[in-house]
Each structure stands twice: as structure tokens, then as C-alpha cells.
Amino acid sequence: MVLNFRFAVVSDLHIALPHTIWDHPSRFHLVEVSIPAFERAIEHLTELNLDFILLPGDLTQHGEAENHLWLQKRLSRLPFPAYVVPGNHDVPVLMGNQQSIPWADFPRYYRKFGYENTNQLYYTQQLLPGVRLIGLNSNCFNQKGEQIGRLDDEQLRWLEEVLAAAKDELVLVMVHHNVVEHLPHQSRHPMAHRYMLANAPELLQILRRYGVSLVFTGHLHVQDVACDDGVYDITTGSLVSYPHPYRVLEFHRDQKGKEWLQILSHRVESVPNFPDLQHLSKQWMGDRSFPFLMKLLTLPPLNLPETQAQELAPSLRDFWATIADGDALLDYPHFPHKVRHYIQTYSAIAQTGTPSFIDNNSTLLLQKNLD
């Protein structure tokens, strides 16, 4: 079956009406631009012949009801279908409080955007003939009431049932937490592991069993495409963090069964009151990077003494902005060998040792000629 369609991914909007914004000196998110940046992205996307848009979580800054309502109303005016899943910022508490909606209430805000069954936080929808979306909920709470990134057993059983019934369809999966590592040893790193799905290996095993190749995630706020044994995790950076990206993707299947996905990335360059958003945002991130860099350098695997970390951190001011940008090439020749080598592992280098620039603009060959 020949198949061609175009869609967009816009992630981690962190929508915040002005009176809901509160400041924090180490906040990387430039939530002040959340609404105008989203409007600028939508302005561009409505010019394209899109079949649908995916929004993989962190739709709001802190799960505020009024921010969910604002987005619900805005999505209802789009000229193409929109599908969402919750991020950790959307459902930060189980029972709800003066700031945030209860965890279980999320589907009620997004009935028209995937959640026809408002009694569960995951769903499946037929997007087009022969194309199915599975939206998963990766936000759970442990016995201490702490929020964790994990798919519960009931959801995994449901997923297997859906995939078994969809064997003749192309399946796209959307989930907030990362499924494939995008950073070195991400699942074990003391700072990065919280961005990974805790039971990602179990999910990957299921996806491979049913031939699912494409997963769309957010949460990490970086532009990155990672692959693990045939499963691509395409994570999209945040619309409120440098470089304020969003993606337009085209899927193709020809008469011989060859499948490929073309990825094109765009950026919001300016919004009212922020005419040079890219420069200002990168500077904003760098100005707030010192505490983050101190943790990176003093925690495992580097375990540097604090005095040495303080000496090196200023040189790494743009480290995370470079990672978020995608297709990073990092080298600090003046650093001690151990530190230099570790920082280099964050570069976009293939196993062959050559640069591999696929994070922003690329074409992924998903299936070889079946003849």
C-alpha cells in the first residue's frame, strides 16, 4: 500500500499565561515566550498541507487549569487534527492542588485531541487509512507519591493488545519520556536518568516484536534522533528553550514497500519583545548554566573536585545550548584528558568515528525493498 503524509511535531510548549509565570534564577525555560512562540510556529504550520500535529507533552508550565484551557481552545481552532500526551509538567501531582490539575483529569481537557475515553491517560487513534497513533502516558506516582517516568503494567498489556490488532497498519508511538538514550549512558547518569522511561527496555522489546519503528518523545529539550535496534526515538526540543525548534516530517512508502521518513527542523527566530530570540535565548541559558555545570562535573562519572569544576565550568557556558541545538561537535583541547574525552562523548559522532548529522534535517530509511 503506497502511503504519503506530512505532519508536525511541536514539543514542550510550557504554555504559561503571563500571570501564571513565576521566576527562578536557574530556570532554563524562557516561558515568557511560550504563547507567542507557539503562535509563530502555528502561523507557519498552517501554511503547509499538514495531515496532523503531534504534541508529546509538557503542554503547560505547571499543569495549571487555565493554561490547559487556553491550549485546549487554541488547538480546537487549528485547520488540522492535533494529538497530545501528558508530560511531567502537565500532571505534577496526583490529587491536584491550587496550582495544578489532578493527574486523572488530564484527558478531560483533551477529549478532541486523542482522549475519546477520558477514563484513561493513554489512547489509540486511526490518523489516516493504514496509519495508527498510540499515545502513551509515562507519568506515574510511586508509593511515596513521587512522580516517576514509567509505563504501568496495565498500560503495557493494553499496548500489546492494540499492536496485535494493528498488525497491518503503520504505527506511530508518542510518549513524553525518552525511550532510547540520547545522551551518553543516559539511563544511568545521575542527572539524565530522570528523562528516560524507567522501563524503556520492556517497551522497546514490545515495539520490536510488532515492528514499530517510530517513537516521538520530548522532555529532554534537545534536538536528537537516536536508534536502538530498529526503533527510532525522535525527540524534539522545547519551544521555550534554545533553539526553540519544531519539526515537519514526511512519511513515504512506495509501491515496492520501501519506507522512509524525511525530517526537516525549523526554529522560531523572533517574537514580539524578543526580536533576536535565538541570541537572547542562548545567552539566557548560558547565564543560568553554572549550577547545572557544577553538578555535571562533580557528579559521576567525572567526580571532579569542586575547585577544579569551578575552574572549568565557565568554558562550558554554552555546553547545553550546543547539545540542545542538535548535531553537536564538542572539543575542549585545553581540558584535562579525562574531562575532554568525556565532553567529546556528547558529540554527534557515529560509531565509525565520523560526524553524523541527523538530529535536525535527515532522511531515515525505515524499511528495505521487500521484493
Protein backbone atom coordinates (compact mmCIF):
# COMPACT_ATOMS: atom_id res chain seq x y z
CA MET A 1 0.00 0.00 0.00
CA VAL A 2 1.52 3.30 -1.15
CA LEU A 3 1.49 5.83 1.69
CA ASN A 4 2.41 9.52 1.83
CA PHE A 5 1.59 12.01 4.55
CA ARG A 6 3.03 15.09 6.25
CA PHE A 7 2.83 16.05 9.91
CA ALA A 8 4.46 18.28 12.50
CA VAL A 9 5.88 17.75 15.97
CA VAL A 10 5.88 20.62 18.46
CA SER A 11 7.03 19.65 21.94
CA ASP A 12 7.33 21.02 25.45
CA LEU A 13 5.28 24.17 24.87
CA HIS A 14 5.18 25.03 28.59
CA ILE A 15 2.22 27.32 27.90
CA ALA A 16 2.04 29.96 30.61
CA LEU A 17 -0.38 32.85 30.64
CA PRO A 18 1.55 35.91 31.89
CA HIS A 19 0.04 35.97 35.38
CA THR A 20 0.97 32.28 35.92
CA ILE A 21 4.69 32.81 35.33
CA TRP A 22 6.97 32.75 38.33
CA ASP A 23 10.70 33.32 38.23
CA HIS A 24 13.55 31.08 39.31
CA PRO A 25 17.20 32.06 38.89
CA SER A 26 18.22 28.70 37.38
CA ARG A 27 15.22 28.22 35.07
CA PHE A 28 16.41 27.36 31.56
CA HIS A 29 12.88 27.68 30.14
CA LEU A 30 12.11 31.09 28.65
CA VAL A 31 8.41 30.63 29.41
CA GLU A 32 7.84 34.31 28.81
CA VAL A 33 7.72 33.46 25.08
CA SER A 34 5.58 30.32 25.35
CA ILE A 35 2.40 31.73 23.80
CA PRO A 36 3.94 33.98 21.12
CA ALA A 37 6.41 31.25 20.13
CA PHE A 38 3.59 28.74 19.76
CA GLU A 39 1.59 31.23 17.72
CA ARG A 40 4.58 31.87 15.45
CA ALA A 41 5.10 28.13 14.89
CA ILE A 42 1.39 27.59 14.20
CA GLU A 43 1.38 30.52 11.79
CA HIS A 44 4.00 28.71 9.72
CA LEU A 45 2.46 25.26 10.04
CA THR A 46 -0.97 26.41 8.87
CA GLU A 47 0.65 27.40 5.58
CA LEU A 48 1.61 23.78 4.99
CA ASN A 49 -0.59 20.94 3.87
CA LEU A 50 -0.36 19.01 7.14
CA ASP A 51 -2.35 15.89 7.91
CA PHE A 52 -1.94 16.27 11.70
CA ILE A 53 0.29 17.58 14.50
CA LEU A 54 1.77 15.72 17.49
CA LEU A 55 2.50 17.40 20.84
CA PRO A 56 4.45 14.97 23.07
CA GLY A 57 3.90 16.52 26.48
CA ASP A 58 4.74 19.41 28.79
CA LEU A 59 1.94 21.36 27.21
CA THR A 60 1.77 23.68 30.24
CA GLN A 61 4.31 25.09 32.66
CA HIS A 62 2.93 23.61 35.88
CA GLY A 63 -0.33 21.88 34.99
CA GLU A 64 -2.44 24.95 35.67
CA ALA A 65 -6.10 24.51 34.72
CA GLU A 66 -6.26 27.88 32.97
CA ASN A 67 -3.19 27.09 30.87
CA HIS A 68 -4.69 23.73 29.86
CA LEU A 69 -7.92 25.53 28.97
CA TRP A 70 -6.08 28.12 26.89
CA LEU A 71 -4.30 25.41 24.90
CA GLN A 72 -7.47 23.34 24.52
CA LYS A 73 -9.23 26.31 22.93
CA ARG A 74 -6.25 27.16 20.72
CA LEU A 75 -5.86 23.61 19.42
CA SER A 76 -9.56 23.49 18.56
CA ARG A 77 -9.00 26.30 16.03
CA LEU A 78 -6.26 24.51 14.09
CA PRO A 79 -7.03 23.52 10.50
CA PHE A 80 -5.64 20.01 11.08
CA PRO A 81 -6.10 17.39 13.84
CA ALA A 82 -3.90 17.64 16.93
CA TYR A 83 -2.92 14.85 19.32
CA VAL A 84 -1.35 15.25 22.75
CA VAL A 85 0.04 13.19 25.63
CA PRO A 86 0.81 14.43 29.16
CA GLY A 87 4.25 15.49 30.27
CA ASN A 88 5.54 15.63 33.81
CA HIS A 89 4.74 19.36 33.96
CA ASP A 90 1.13 18.74 32.91
CA VAL A 91 0.28 16.34 35.76
CA PRO A 92 2.83 17.12 38.51
CA VAL A 93 0.56 15.98 41.35
CA LEU A 94 -1.72 13.01 41.84
CA MET A 95 -4.58 14.68 43.70
CA GLY A 96 -4.44 18.22 42.39
CA ASN A 97 -3.88 21.45 44.33
CA GLN A 98 -4.37 25.21 44.00
CA GLN A 99 -1.86 25.31 41.14
CA SER A 100 -2.17 22.04 39.21
CA ILE A 101 -4.94 19.80 37.92
CA PRO A 102 -5.30 16.24 39.28
CA TRP A 103 -3.38 13.59 37.34
CA ALA A 104 -6.57 11.78 36.28
CA ASP A 105 -8.23 14.95 34.94
CA PHE A 106 -5.82 15.42 32.03
CA PRO A 107 -7.89 13.51 29.42
CA ARG A 108 -10.97 15.64 30.16
CA TYR A 109 -9.17 18.71 28.86
CA TYR A 110 -8.18 16.99 25.64
CA ARG A 111 -11.23 14.98 24.52
CA LYS A 112 -10.84 16.27 20.96
CA PHE A 113 -7.11 15.62 20.85
CA GLY A 114 -6.88 11.86 21.31
CA TYR A 115 -8.75 11.18 24.53
CA GLU A 116 -12.20 10.00 23.48
CA ASN A 117 -12.06 7.76 26.56
CA THR A 118 -11.48 10.23 29.37
CA ASN A 119 -11.08 7.47 31.95
CA GLN A 120 -7.53 6.57 30.95
CA LEU A 121 -4.41 8.57 30.17
CA TYR A 122 -3.43 6.62 27.03
CA TYR A 123 -5.23 6.02 23.76
CA THR A 124 -5.07 4.92 20.16
CA GLN A 125 -6.45 6.75 17.15
CA GLN A 126 -6.54 6.00 13.44
CA LEU A 127 -4.89 9.03 11.86
CA LEU A 128 -5.32 8.04 8.22
CA PRO A 129 -6.24 4.84 6.39
CA GLY A 130 -3.50 2.39 7.37
CA VAL A 131 -1.90 4.75 9.91
CA ARG A 132 -2.41 4.45 13.67
CA LEU A 133 -1.21 6.59 16.56
CA ILE A 134 -0.66 5.24 20.06
CA GLY A 135 -0.42 7.93 22.73
CA LEU A 136 1.13 6.66 25.96
CA ASN A 137 1.21 8.10 29.46
CA SER A 138 4.67 7.93 31.03
CA ASN A 139 3.76 9.78 34.24
CA CYS A 140 3.20 7.63 37.32
CA PHE A 141 3.46 8.08 41.07
CA ASN A 142 5.28 5.72 43.41
CA GLN A 143 4.19 4.71 46.91
CA LYS A 144 5.77 7.86 48.33
CA GLY A 145 3.66 9.99 45.99
CA GLU A 146 6.71 10.95 43.92
CA GLN A 147 6.29 11.40 40.18
CA ILE A 148 8.29 8.96 38.06
CA GLY A 149 8.59 8.18 34.35
CA ARG A 150 7.23 4.70 33.81
CA LEU A 151 4.55 2.74 31.92
CA ASP A 152 2.38 0.78 34.34
CA ASP A 153 1.70 -2.92 33.74
CA GLU A 154 -1.92 -2.37 32.74
CA GLN A 155 -0.86 0.07 30.04
CA LEU A 156 1.75 -2.35 28.70
CA ARG A 157 -0.87 -5.12 28.45
CA TRP A 158 -3.21 -2.73 26.65
CA LEU A 159 -0.39 -1.74 24.28
CA GLU A 160 0.24 -5.36 23.30
CA GLU A 161 -3.45 -5.85 22.55
CA VAL A 162 -3.57 -2.74 20.36
CA LEU A 163 -0.42 -3.68 18.47
CA ALA A 164 -1.62 -7.22 17.88
CA ALA A 165 -4.81 -5.84 16.33
CA ALA A 166 -2.93 -3.25 14.25
CA LYS A 167 -0.54 -5.66 12.51
CA ASP A 168 -1.42 -4.39 9.03
CA GLU A 169 -1.12 -0.70 9.94
CA LEU A 170 1.79 1.71 10.23
CA VAL A 171 2.00 2.55 13.93
CA LEU A 172 3.41 5.78 15.36
CA VAL A 173 4.02 5.96 19.11
CA MET A 174 4.07 9.19 21.13
CA VAL A 175 5.25 9.34 24.74
CA HIS A 176 6.83 12.11 26.83
CA HIS A 177 9.85 10.36 28.37
CA ASN A 178 12.71 9.15 26.20
CA VAL A 179 12.70 5.52 25.13
CA VAL A 180 16.17 5.38 23.56
CA GLU A 181 19.20 7.08 25.12
CA HIS A 182 20.00 10.49 23.63
CA LEU A 183 22.91 11.26 25.97
CA PRO A 184 25.89 9.10 26.98
CA HIS A 185 24.68 6.41 29.41
CA GLN A 186 21.51 8.44 29.93
CA SER A 187 19.61 5.73 31.79
CA ARG A 188 22.36 5.52 34.44
CA HIS A 189 23.53 9.13 34.64
CA PRO A 190 22.62 10.78 37.98
CA MET A 191 21.29 13.89 36.22
CA ALA A 192 19.92 12.48 32.96
CA HIS A 193 18.20 9.25 34.02
CA ARG A 194 15.01 11.05 35.04
CA TYR A 195 14.41 11.93 31.40
CA MET A 196 14.37 8.25 30.44
CA LEU A 197 11.42 5.93 30.73
CA ALA A 198 12.33 3.69 33.68
CA ASN A 199 11.12 0.54 31.90
CA ALA A 200 12.23 1.56 28.42
CA PRO A 201 13.81 -1.87 27.69
CA GLU A 202 10.44 -3.53 28.25
CA LEU A 203 8.69 -1.09 25.93
CA LEU A 204 11.37 -1.47 23.27
CA GLN A 205 11.02 -5.23 23.35
CA ILE A 206 7.28 -4.91 22.68
CA LEU A 207 7.77 -2.39 19.89
CA ARG A 208 10.32 -4.56 18.12
CA ARG A 209 8.08 -7.59 18.44
CA TYR A 210 5.39 -5.79 16.46
CA GLY A 211 7.67 -3.98 14.02
CA VAL A 212 7.14 -0.44 15.33
CA SER A 213 9.96 1.84 14.14
CA LEU A 214 8.94 5.39 15.05
CA VAL A 215 8.59 6.88 18.53
CA PHE A 216 8.18 10.61 19.17
CA THR A 217 9.27 11.98 22.55
CA GLY A 218 10.02 15.27 24.31
CA HIS A 219 11.03 16.07 27.89
CA LEU A 220 14.80 16.42 27.31
CA HIS A 221 14.58 19.76 25.46
CA VAL A 222 17.12 18.77 22.82
CA GLN A 223 17.04 18.07 19.10
CA ASP A 224 18.12 14.47 18.72
CA VAL A 225 17.43 11.34 16.71
CA ALA A 226 18.55 8.07 18.31
CA CYS A 227 18.13 4.48 17.21
CA ASP A 228 18.20 1.20 19.12
CA ASP A 229 17.97 -1.97 17.04
CA GLY A 230 15.47 -0.64 14.53
CA VAL A 231 13.47 1.67 16.82
CA TYR A 232 13.99 5.39 16.24
CA ASP A 233 13.33 7.78 19.12
CA ILE A 234 12.88 11.23 17.59
CA THR A 235 12.95 13.73 20.41
CA THR A 236 12.13 17.36 19.71
CA GLY A 237 13.46 20.33 21.65
CA SER A 238 11.29 22.69 23.63
CA LEU A 239 9.52 25.64 22.08
CA VAL A 240 10.52 27.73 25.14
CA SER A 241 14.20 26.73 25.23
CA TYR A 242 17.02 27.43 22.82
CA PRO A 243 16.90 26.83 19.87
CA HIS A 244 13.04 26.97 20.01
CA PRO A 245 12.61 24.23 17.41
CA TYR A 246 9.77 22.32 15.83
CA ARG A 247 9.71 19.67 13.12
CA VAL A 248 7.90 18.97 9.87
CA LEU A 249 8.06 15.34 8.80
CA GLU A 250 7.03 13.47 5.67
CA PHE A 251 6.49 9.71 5.60
CA HIS A 252 6.67 7.81 2.32
CA ARG A 253 6.08 4.22 1.30
CA ASP A 254 6.48 3.33 -2.37
CA GLN A 255 4.94 0.52 -4.40
CA LYS A 256 7.83 -1.80 -3.56
CA GLY A 257 7.34 -1.36 0.18
CA LYS A 258 10.35 0.89 0.72
CA GLU A 259 9.68 3.27 3.63
CA TRP A 260 11.45 6.45 4.61
CA LEU A 261 10.89 9.46 6.86
CA GLN A 262 12.11 12.90 5.92
CA ILE A 263 12.74 15.24 8.85
CA LEU A 264 13.01 18.99 8.50
CA SER A 265 13.50 21.20 11.55
CA HIS A 266 12.54 24.84 11.93
CA ARG A 267 13.10 27.45 14.61
CA VAL A 268 11.20 30.38 16.00
CA GLU A 269 13.58 33.24 15.25
CA SER A 270 11.70 36.14 16.80
CA VAL A 271 8.55 37.05 18.70
CA PRO A 272 7.21 40.40 19.95
CA ASN A 273 9.52 41.87 22.62
CA PHE A 274 12.22 39.34 21.65
CA PRO A 275 13.27 40.36 18.11
CA ASP A 276 16.50 38.31 18.25
CA LEU A 277 15.15 35.32 20.16
CA GLN A 278 17.92 32.92 19.19
CA HIS A 279 20.73 35.11 20.52
CA LEU A 280 18.89 36.20 23.64
CA SER A 281 17.75 32.68 24.48
CA LYS A 282 21.22 31.19 24.12
CA GLN A 283 22.57 33.93 26.36
CA TRP A 284 19.77 33.31 28.88
CA MET A 285 20.69 29.62 29.02
CA GLY A 286 24.39 30.36 29.39
CA ASP A 287 23.79 32.88 32.17
CA ARG A 288 21.96 30.18 34.17
CA SER A 289 24.25 27.27 33.34
CA PHE A 290 26.76 27.41 36.20
CA PRO A 291 24.82 25.34 38.81
CA PHE A 292 23.99 22.74 36.15
CA LEU A 293 27.64 22.54 35.02
CA MET A 294 28.89 22.16 38.58
CA LYS A 295 26.65 19.13 39.02
CA LEU A 296 27.74 17.68 35.68
CA LEU A 297 31.42 17.99 36.59
CA THR A 298 31.30 16.94 40.26
CA LEU A 299 28.84 14.03 39.99
CA PRO A 300 29.67 10.62 38.46
CA PRO A 301 31.22 9.68 36.16
CA LEU A 302 33.69 12.62 36.35
CA ASN A 303 33.61 13.23 40.13
CA LEU A 304 35.83 16.30 39.86
CA PRO A 305 36.82 18.25 42.97
CA GLU A 306 34.70 21.36 43.39
CA THR A 307 37.67 23.70 42.92
CA GLN A 308 38.57 22.12 39.57
CA ALA A 309 34.93 22.16 38.45
CA GLN A 310 34.71 25.87 39.25
CA GLU A 311 37.73 26.49 37.01
CA LEU A 312 36.33 24.52 34.07
CA ALA A 313 32.63 25.45 34.23
CA PRO A 314 32.92 28.94 32.67
CA SER A 315 34.42 27.44 29.50
CA LEU A 316 31.36 25.16 29.23
CA ARG A 317 28.86 28.00 29.42
CA ASP A 318 27.33 27.06 26.04
CA PHE A 319 27.64 23.29 26.51
CA TRP A 320 23.94 22.57 26.99
CA ALA A 321 22.87 25.05 24.31
CA THR A 322 25.13 23.19 21.87
CA ILE A 323 23.58 19.87 22.87
CA ALA A 324 20.07 21.29 22.58
CA ASP A 325 20.92 22.61 19.13
CA GLY A 326 21.45 19.05 17.85
CA ASP A 327 24.31 17.72 15.72
CA ALA A 328 26.82 18.89 18.33
CA LEU A 329 30.59 18.82 17.85
CA LEU A 330 32.36 19.40 21.16
CA ASP A 331 36.05 19.59 21.91
CA TYR A 332 37.95 21.46 24.61
CA PRO A 333 41.67 20.78 23.91
CA HIS A 334 42.82 22.71 26.97
CA PHE A 335 40.80 20.48 29.34
CA PRO A 336 42.42 17.56 31.20
CA HIS A 337 42.31 14.42 29.02
CA LYS A 338 39.67 12.67 31.15
CA VAL A 339 37.31 15.65 31.05
CA ARG A 340 37.97 16.42 27.39
CA HIS A 341 37.22 12.84 26.39
CA TYR A 342 34.01 12.76 28.43
CA ILE A 343 32.70 16.01 26.91
CA GLN A 344 33.51 14.68 23.43
CA THR A 345 31.15 11.73 24.02
CA TYR A 346 28.25 14.20 23.76
CA SER A 347 29.18 14.96 20.15
CA ALA A 348 27.22 13.71 17.14
CA ILE A 349 29.82 11.13 16.17
CA ALA A 350 28.87 7.80 14.61
CA GLN A 351 30.47 4.51 15.66
CA THR A 352 32.71 4.83 12.61
CA GLY A 353 34.23 7.95 14.20
CA THR A 354 32.81 10.40 11.66
CA PRO A 355 30.25 13.15 12.30
CA SER A 356 26.64 12.01 11.94
CA PHE A 357 24.35 14.98 11.39
CA ILE A 358 20.83 13.54 11.58
CA ASP A 359 19.31 15.40 14.55
CA ASN A 360 17.74 18.31 12.67
CA ASN A 361 17.46 17.53 8.97
CA SER A 362 17.71 13.99 7.68
CA THR A 363 16.03 11.15 5.85
CA LEU A 364 15.67 7.87 7.74
CA LEU A 365 15.38 4.69 5.68
CA LEU A 366 12.97 2.55 7.66
CA GLN A 367 12.45 -0.49 5.52
CA LYS A 368 14.44 -2.07 2.70
CA ASN A 369 13.00 -3.11 -0.62
CA LEU A 370 10.73 -6.08 0.05
CA ASP A 371 10.98 -7.57 -3.46
